[in-house]
């Protein structure tokens, strides 16, 4: 399973556990609509490394440093691919 899908499943699990709708989570994260939350939960959209602390804070959970490292490395790989094109 790729990291986007894994993180998306975790976000959805935490959201449902809190009893929040996608709209409610979107507002807490500063998004204007639930569409972004939906895409994140489906693994269609990655989470920026800069958003990880906010998401952890919203859900009142900690993020293992190895998970943050994976997200940062993934972002760097994507940037490298985009800039090479």
Protein backbone atom coordinates (compact mmCIF):
# COMPACT_ATOMS: atom_id res chain seq x y z
CA UNK A 1 0.00 0.00 0.00
CA UNK A 2 1.37 3.41 -0.87
CA UNK A 3 1.85 6.08 1.75
CA UNK A 4 -0.97 8.32 0.47
CA UNK A 5 -3.54 5.55 0.88
CA UNK A 6 -2.15 4.52 4.27
CA UNK A 7 -2.24 8.08 5.60
CA UNK A 8 -5.68 8.62 4.10
CA UNK A 9 -7.01 5.57 5.92
CA UNK A 10 -5.52 6.86 9.18
CA UNK A 11 -7.07 10.30 8.70
CA UNK A 12 -10.47 8.76 8.01
CA UNK A 13 -10.18 6.44 11.02
CA UNK A 14 -9.33 9.34 13.33
CA UNK A 15 -12.07 11.55 11.87
CA UNK A 16 -14.74 8.87 12.28
CA UNK A 17 -13.50 8.08 15.79
CA UNK A 18 -13.97 11.75 16.71
CA UNK A 19 -17.45 11.68 15.17
CA UNK A 20 -16.63 14.48 12.74
CA UNK A 21 -17.91 14.96 9.21
CA UNK A 22 -15.52 15.70 6.36
CA UNK A 23 -16.85 19.27 6.41
CA UNK A 24 -15.97 19.66 10.08
CA UNK A 25 -12.45 18.32 9.57
CA UNK A 26 -11.96 20.50 6.51
CA UNK A 27 -12.77 23.61 8.55
CA UNK A 28 -10.40 22.56 11.34
CA UNK A 29 -7.61 22.13 8.78
CA UNK A 30 -8.35 25.43 7.02
CA UNK A 31 -9.79 23.97 3.82
CA UNK A 32 -12.80 25.67 2.25
CA UNK A 33 -14.62 22.43 1.42
CA UNK A 34 -14.68 18.75 2.23
CA UNK A 35 -13.38 17.85 -1.24
CA UNK A 36 -9.74 17.99 -0.11
CA UNK A 37 -10.46 15.81 2.94
CA UNK A 38 -12.26 13.33 0.71
CA UNK A 39 -9.29 13.16 -1.66
CA UNK A 40 -6.85 12.71 1.22
CA UNK A 41 -8.95 9.92 2.75
CA UNK A 42 -9.14 8.12 -0.62
CA UNK A 43 -5.39 8.41 -1.12
CA UNK A 44 -5.93 10.56 -4.21
CA UNK A 45 -4.13 13.52 -2.68
CA UNK A 46 -1.03 13.44 -0.51
CA UNK A 47 -0.53 15.34 2.69
CA UNK A 48 2.17 18.00 2.69
CA UNK A 49 4.79 17.48 5.37
CA UNK A 50 3.98 20.95 6.68
CA UNK A 51 0.38 19.81 7.35
CA UNK A 52 1.35 16.78 9.45
CA UNK A 53 1.80 18.70 12.74
CA UNK A 54 -1.54 20.48 12.25
CA UNK A 55 -3.36 17.22 11.52
CA UNK A 56 -1.75 15.59 14.55
CA UNK A 57 -2.76 18.56 16.70
CA UNK A 58 -6.35 18.55 15.43
CA UNK A 59 -6.68 14.86 16.29
CA UNK A 60 -4.62 15.20 19.48
CA UNK A 61 -2.20 12.46 18.43
CA UNK A 62 1.55 12.28 17.98
CA UNK A 63 3.31 11.39 14.75
CA UNK A 64 6.25 9.01 14.86
CA UNK A 65 9.32 10.73 13.45
CA UNK A 66 9.78 7.97 10.88
CA UNK A 67 6.35 8.80 9.41
CA UNK A 68 7.25 12.48 9.11
CA UNK A 69 10.53 11.47 7.46
CA UNK A 70 8.66 9.30 4.90
CA UNK A 71 6.35 12.19 4.02
CA UNK A 72 9.23 14.64 3.67
CA UNK A 73 11.19 12.19 1.49
CA UNK A 74 8.13 11.61 -0.69
CA UNK A 75 7.71 15.37 -1.17
CA UNK A 76 11.38 15.74 -2.10
CA UNK A 77 11.11 12.91 -4.64
CA UNK A 78 8.05 14.52 -6.23
CA UNK A 79 9.79 17.90 -6.39
CA UNK A 80 12.78 16.27 -8.05
CA UNK A 81 10.61 14.64 -10.68
CA UNK A 82 8.68 17.84 -11.38
CA UNK A 83 11.78 20.02 -11.65
CA UNK A 84 13.58 17.53 -13.89
CA UNK A 85 10.79 17.60 -16.46
